[in-house]
Amino acid sequence: GGMGKTTIAKVIYNKLSCKFEYMSFLENIRGISNTKGLTHLQNQLLGDIRKEERSQNINIVDQGASMIETILSSKRVFIVLDDVW
């Protein structure tokens, strides 16, 4: 920890994200999944790729995975997941 990996990831994300149709930078995956759950992260990802507020209402992880797969299939996607255990 504390070596600047998140900062480097953000710089790369900011430089490359404009080349993709959909993009998302999800920080603190480990902490958020432990406190708010995977469905919260799925809702955040869907909000980012749809360029909307976090208004999705995924309550079941499998449902979220299916929605993400459907939306992102055959698309150019850039997703950074930070602090994954």
N, C-alpha and C. Protein backbone atom coordinates (compact mmCIF):
# COMPACT_ATOMS: atom_id res chain seq x y z
N GLY A 1 0.80 -1.20 0.00
CA GLY A 1 0.00 0.00 0.00
C GLY A 1 0.84 1.25 0.00
N GLY A 2 0.25 2.34 -0.42
CA GLY A 2 0.90 3.63 -0.37
C GLY A 2 1.97 3.86 -1.43
N MET A 3 1.97 3.07 -2.50
CA MET A 3 3.01 3.21 -3.52
C MET A 3 2.51 3.99 -4.74
N GLY A 4 1.29 4.50 -4.71
CA GLY A 4 0.78 5.32 -5.80
C GLY A 4 0.14 4.55 -6.94
N LYS A 5 -0.24 3.30 -6.70
CA LYS A 5 -0.84 2.48 -7.77
C LYS A 5 -2.15 3.07 -8.25
N THR A 6 -2.98 3.57 -7.35
CA THR A 6 -4.26 4.17 -7.74
C THR A 6 -4.02 5.42 -8.57
N THR A 7 -3.07 6.22 -8.18
CA THR A 7 -2.76 7.45 -8.93
C THR A 7 -2.30 7.11 -10.34
N ILE A 8 -1.44 6.12 -10.47
CA ILE A 8 -0.98 5.70 -11.79
C ILE A 8 -2.14 5.16 -12.62
N ALA A 9 -2.99 4.36 -11.99
CA ALA A 9 -4.15 3.81 -12.70
C ALA A 9 -5.07 4.93 -13.19
N LYS A 10 -5.28 5.97 -12.38
CA LYS A 10 -6.13 7.09 -12.78
C LYS A 10 -5.53 7.85 -13.96
N VAL A 11 -4.24 8.05 -13.95
CA VAL A 11 -3.58 8.75 -15.06
C VAL A 11 -3.76 7.96 -16.35
N ILE A 12 -3.51 6.67 -16.30
CA ILE A 12 -3.69 5.81 -17.48
C ILE A 12 -5.14 5.83 -17.93
N TYR A 13 -6.06 5.71 -16.99
CA TYR A 13 -7.49 5.73 -17.31
C TYR A 13 -7.86 7.04 -18.02
N ASN A 14 -7.41 8.15 -17.48
CA ASN A 14 -7.74 9.45 -18.07
C ASN A 14 -7.16 9.61 -19.47
N LYS A 15 -5.99 9.03 -19.71
CA LYS A 15 -5.37 9.13 -21.04
C LYS A 15 -6.06 8.23 -22.06
N LEU A 16 -6.50 7.06 -21.65
CA LEU A 16 -6.99 6.07 -22.59
C LEU A 16 -8.51 5.98 -22.71
N SER A 17 -9.25 6.45 -21.74
CA SER A 17 -10.70 6.22 -21.71
C SER A 17 -11.43 6.84 -22.90
N CYS A 18 -10.90 7.92 -23.46
CA CYS A 18 -11.57 8.57 -24.59
C CYS A 18 -11.61 7.69 -25.84
N LYS A 19 -10.84 6.63 -25.87
CA LYS A 19 -10.79 5.74 -27.03
C LYS A 19 -11.83 4.63 -26.96
N PHE A 20 -12.63 4.63 -25.92
CA PHE A 20 -13.59 3.56 -25.70
C PHE A 20 -15.01 4.10 -25.67
N GLU A 21 -15.93 3.24 -26.09
CA GLU A 21 -17.35 3.61 -26.10
C GLU A 21 -17.90 3.68 -24.68
N TYR A 22 -17.49 2.75 -23.85
CA TYR A 22 -17.92 2.71 -22.45
C TYR A 22 -16.69 2.63 -21.57
N MET A 23 -16.74 3.32 -20.43
CA MET A 23 -15.62 3.30 -19.51
C MET A 23 -16.10 3.49 -18.08
N SER A 24 -15.30 2.94 -17.16
CA SER A 24 -15.61 3.10 -15.74
C SER A 24 -14.34 2.89 -14.92
N PHE A 25 -14.18 3.70 -13.90
CA PHE A 25 -13.08 3.54 -12.94
C PHE A 25 -13.73 3.31 -11.59
N LEU A 26 -13.63 2.10 -11.11
CA LEU A 26 -14.24 1.74 -9.83
C LEU A 26 -13.14 1.63 -8.78
N GLU A 27 -13.17 2.54 -7.82
CA GLU A 27 -12.15 2.58 -6.76
C GLU A 27 -12.60 1.77 -5.54
N ASN A 28 -11.62 1.36 -4.76
CA ASN A 28 -11.85 0.74 -3.47
C ASN A 28 -12.81 -0.44 -3.54
N ILE A 29 -12.59 -1.31 -4.52
CA ILE A 29 -13.46 -2.47 -4.71
C ILE A 29 -13.58 -3.29 -3.44
N ARG A 30 -12.45 -3.57 -2.81
CA ARG A 30 -12.46 -4.40 -1.61
C ARG A 30 -13.30 -3.78 -0.49
N GLY A 31 -13.07 -2.50 -0.22
CA GLY A 31 -13.81 -1.84 0.85
C GLY A 31 -15.29 -1.72 0.57
N ILE A 32 -15.63 -1.34 -0.65
CA ILE A 32 -17.04 -1.16 -1.00
C ILE A 32 -17.77 -2.50 -1.02
N SER A 33 -17.12 -3.53 -1.55
CA SER A 33 -17.80 -4.84 -1.59
C SER A 33 -18.02 -5.37 -0.18
N ASN A 34 -17.11 -5.06 0.74
CA ASN A 34 -17.28 -5.52 2.12
C ASN A 34 -18.35 -4.73 2.87
N THR A 35 -18.50 -3.45 2.56
CA THR A 35 -19.46 -2.63 3.31
C THR A 35 -20.82 -2.48 2.61
N LYS A 36 -20.81 -2.31 1.29
CA LYS A 36 -22.06 -2.06 0.58
C LYS A 36 -22.50 -3.21 -0.31
N GLY A 37 -21.58 -4.11 -0.61
CA GLY A 37 -21.92 -5.30 -1.40
C GLY A 37 -21.63 -5.17 -2.88
N LEU A 38 -21.59 -6.31 -3.54
CA LEU A 38 -21.29 -6.37 -4.96
C LEU A 38 -22.36 -5.69 -5.81
N THR A 39 -23.61 -5.77 -5.37
CA THR A 39 -24.66 -5.13 -6.17
C THR A 39 -24.47 -3.62 -6.23
N HIS A 40 -23.94 -3.02 -5.19
CA HIS A 40 -23.65 -1.59 -5.22
C HIS A 40 -22.62 -1.29 -6.30
N LEU A 41 -21.58 -2.10 -6.38
CA LEU A 41 -20.56 -1.91 -7.41
C LEU A 41 -21.13 -2.13 -8.80
N GLN A 42 -22.00 -3.11 -8.95
CA GLN A 42 -22.64 -3.35 -10.24
C GLN A 42 -23.50 -2.15 -10.65
N ASN A 43 -24.24 -1.60 -9.71
CA ASN A 43 -25.05 -0.40 -9.99
C ASN A 43 -24.16 0.77 -10.39
N GLN A 44 -23.03 0.92 -9.71
CA GLN A 44 -22.10 1.99 -10.05
C GLN A 44 -21.54 1.79 -11.45
N LEU A 45 -21.14 0.57 -11.78
CA LEU A 45 -20.61 0.28 -13.12
C LEU A 45 -21.65 0.57 -14.19
N LEU A 46 -22.87 0.10 -13.99
CA LEU A 46 -23.93 0.35 -14.97
C LEU A 46 -24.22 1.84 -15.12
N GLY A 47 -24.19 2.57 -14.02
CA GLY A 47 -24.38 4.01 -14.10
C GLY A 47 -23.29 4.69 -14.91
N ASP A 48 -22.05 4.25 -14.72
CA ASP A 48 -20.94 4.83 -15.47
C ASP A 48 -21.06 4.53 -16.95
N ILE A 49 -21.33 3.30 -17.30
CA ILE A 49 -21.34 2.94 -18.72
C ILE A 49 -22.57 3.48 -19.44
N ARG A 50 -23.63 3.70 -18.71
CA ARG A 50 -24.83 4.30 -19.31
C ARG A 50 -24.79 5.82 -19.22
N LYS A 51 -23.77 6.34 -18.55
CA LYS A 51 -23.61 7.79 -18.34
C LYS A 51 -24.83 8.38 -17.64
N GLU A 52 -25.28 7.68 -16.63
CA GLU A 52 -26.46 8.10 -15.87
C GLU A 52 -26.09 8.17 -14.40
N GLU A 53 -26.98 8.77 -13.65
CA GLU A 53 -26.85 8.72 -12.21
C GLU A 53 -27.01 7.27 -11.77
N ARG A 54 -26.60 6.96 -10.60
CA ARG A 54 -26.67 5.60 -10.08
C ARG A 54 -28.11 5.22 -9.75
N SER A 55 -28.98 5.22 -10.75
CA SER A 55 -30.40 4.99 -10.52
C SER A 55 -30.81 3.54 -10.72
N GLN A 56 -29.87 2.70 -11.15
CA GLN A 56 -30.21 1.30 -11.35
C GLN A 56 -30.57 0.69 -9.99
N ASN A 57 -31.29 -0.39 -10.06
CA ASN A 57 -31.72 -1.02 -8.82
C ASN A 57 -31.46 -2.51 -8.87
N ILE A 58 -30.21 -2.89 -9.02
CA ILE A 58 -29.84 -4.30 -9.00
C ILE A 58 -29.81 -4.76 -7.55
N ASN A 59 -30.51 -5.85 -7.28
CA ASN A 59 -30.53 -6.39 -5.93
C ASN A 59 -29.91 -7.78 -5.86
N ILE A 60 -29.69 -8.40 -7.01
CA ILE A 60 -29.18 -9.77 -7.07
C ILE A 60 -27.93 -9.76 -7.95
N VAL A 61 -26.82 -10.30 -7.45
CA VAL A 61 -25.55 -10.28 -8.16
C VAL A 61 -25.67 -10.91 -9.54
N ASP A 62 -26.35 -12.04 -9.65
CA ASP A 62 -26.50 -12.70 -10.95
C ASP A 62 -27.27 -11.83 -11.95
N GLN A 63 -28.28 -11.12 -11.47
CA GLN A 63 -29.04 -10.20 -12.31
C GLN A 63 -28.12 -9.10 -12.84
N GLY A 64 -27.29 -8.55 -11.98
CA GLY A 64 -26.36 -7.50 -12.39
C GLY A 64 -25.35 -8.00 -13.40
N ALA A 65 -24.82 -9.19 -13.18
CA ALA A 65 -23.85 -9.76 -14.11
C ALA A 65 -24.47 -9.95 -15.49
N SER A 66 -25.71 -10.40 -15.51
CA SER A 66 -26.40 -10.61 -16.77
C SER A 66 -26.64 -9.29 -17.50
N MET A 67 -27.05 -8.26 -16.77
CA MET A 67 -27.29 -6.94 -17.36
C MET A 67 -25.99 -6.36 -17.93
N ILE A 68 -24.91 -6.48 -17.18
CA ILE A 68 -23.62 -5.96 -17.62
C ILE A 68 -23.17 -6.69 -18.88
N GLU A 69 -23.31 -8.00 -18.90
CA GLU A 69 -22.93 -8.78 -20.07
C GLU A 69 -23.74 -8.38 -21.29
N THR A 70 -25.04 -8.21 -21.13
CA THR A 70 -25.91 -7.83 -22.24
C THR A 70 -25.54 -6.46 -22.81
N ILE A 71 -25.33 -5.50 -21.94
CA ILE A 71 -25.03 -4.14 -22.37
C ILE A 71 -23.66 -4.05 -23.02
N LEU A 72 -22.69 -4.77 -22.49
CA LEU A 72 -21.31 -4.61 -22.95
C LEU A 72 -20.88 -5.56 -24.06
N SER A 73 -21.71 -6.51 -24.41
CA SER A 73 -21.29 -7.45 -25.45
C SER A 73 -21.06 -6.71 -26.76
N SER A 74 -19.97 -7.01 -27.41
CA SER A 74 -19.57 -6.42 -28.70
C SER A 74 -19.31 -4.92 -28.63
N LYS A 75 -18.94 -4.41 -27.47
CA LYS A 75 -18.62 -2.99 -27.31
C LYS A 75 -17.14 -2.86 -26.92
N ARG A 76 -16.56 -1.70 -27.26
CA ARG A 76 -15.21 -1.38 -26.79
C ARG A 76 -15.35 -0.81 -25.38
N VAL A 77 -14.78 -1.51 -24.42
CA VAL A 77 -14.99 -1.18 -23.01
C VAL A 77 -13.64 -1.06 -22.29
N PHE A 78 -13.53 -0.06 -21.43
CA PHE A 78 -12.34 0.11 -20.60
C PHE A 78 -12.81 0.25 -19.16
N ILE A 79 -12.53 -0.76 -18.36
CA ILE A 79 -12.94 -0.75 -16.95
C ILE A 79 -11.72 -0.98 -16.09
N VAL A 80 -11.52 -0.09 -15.11
CA VAL A 80 -10.45 -0.25 -14.15
C VAL A 80 -11.08 -0.55 -12.80
N LEU A 81 -10.65 -1.65 -12.21
CA LEU A 81 -11.10 -2.04 -10.88
C LEU A 81 -9.92 -1.86 -9.93
N ASP A 82 -10.03 -0.92 -9.02
CA ASP A 82 -8.93 -0.58 -8.12
C ASP A 82 -9.13 -1.23 -6.76
N ASP A 83 -8.06 -1.73 -6.20
CA ASP A 83 -8.03 -2.37 -4.88
C ASP A 83 -8.89 -3.63 -4.84
N VAL A 84 -8.59 -4.53 -5.77
CA VAL A 84 -9.27 -5.82 -5.81
C VAL A 84 -8.43 -6.84 -5.06
N TRP A 85 -9.05 -7.59 -4.19
CA TRP A 85 -8.35 -8.60 -3.41
C TRP A 85 -8.44 -9.92 -4.09
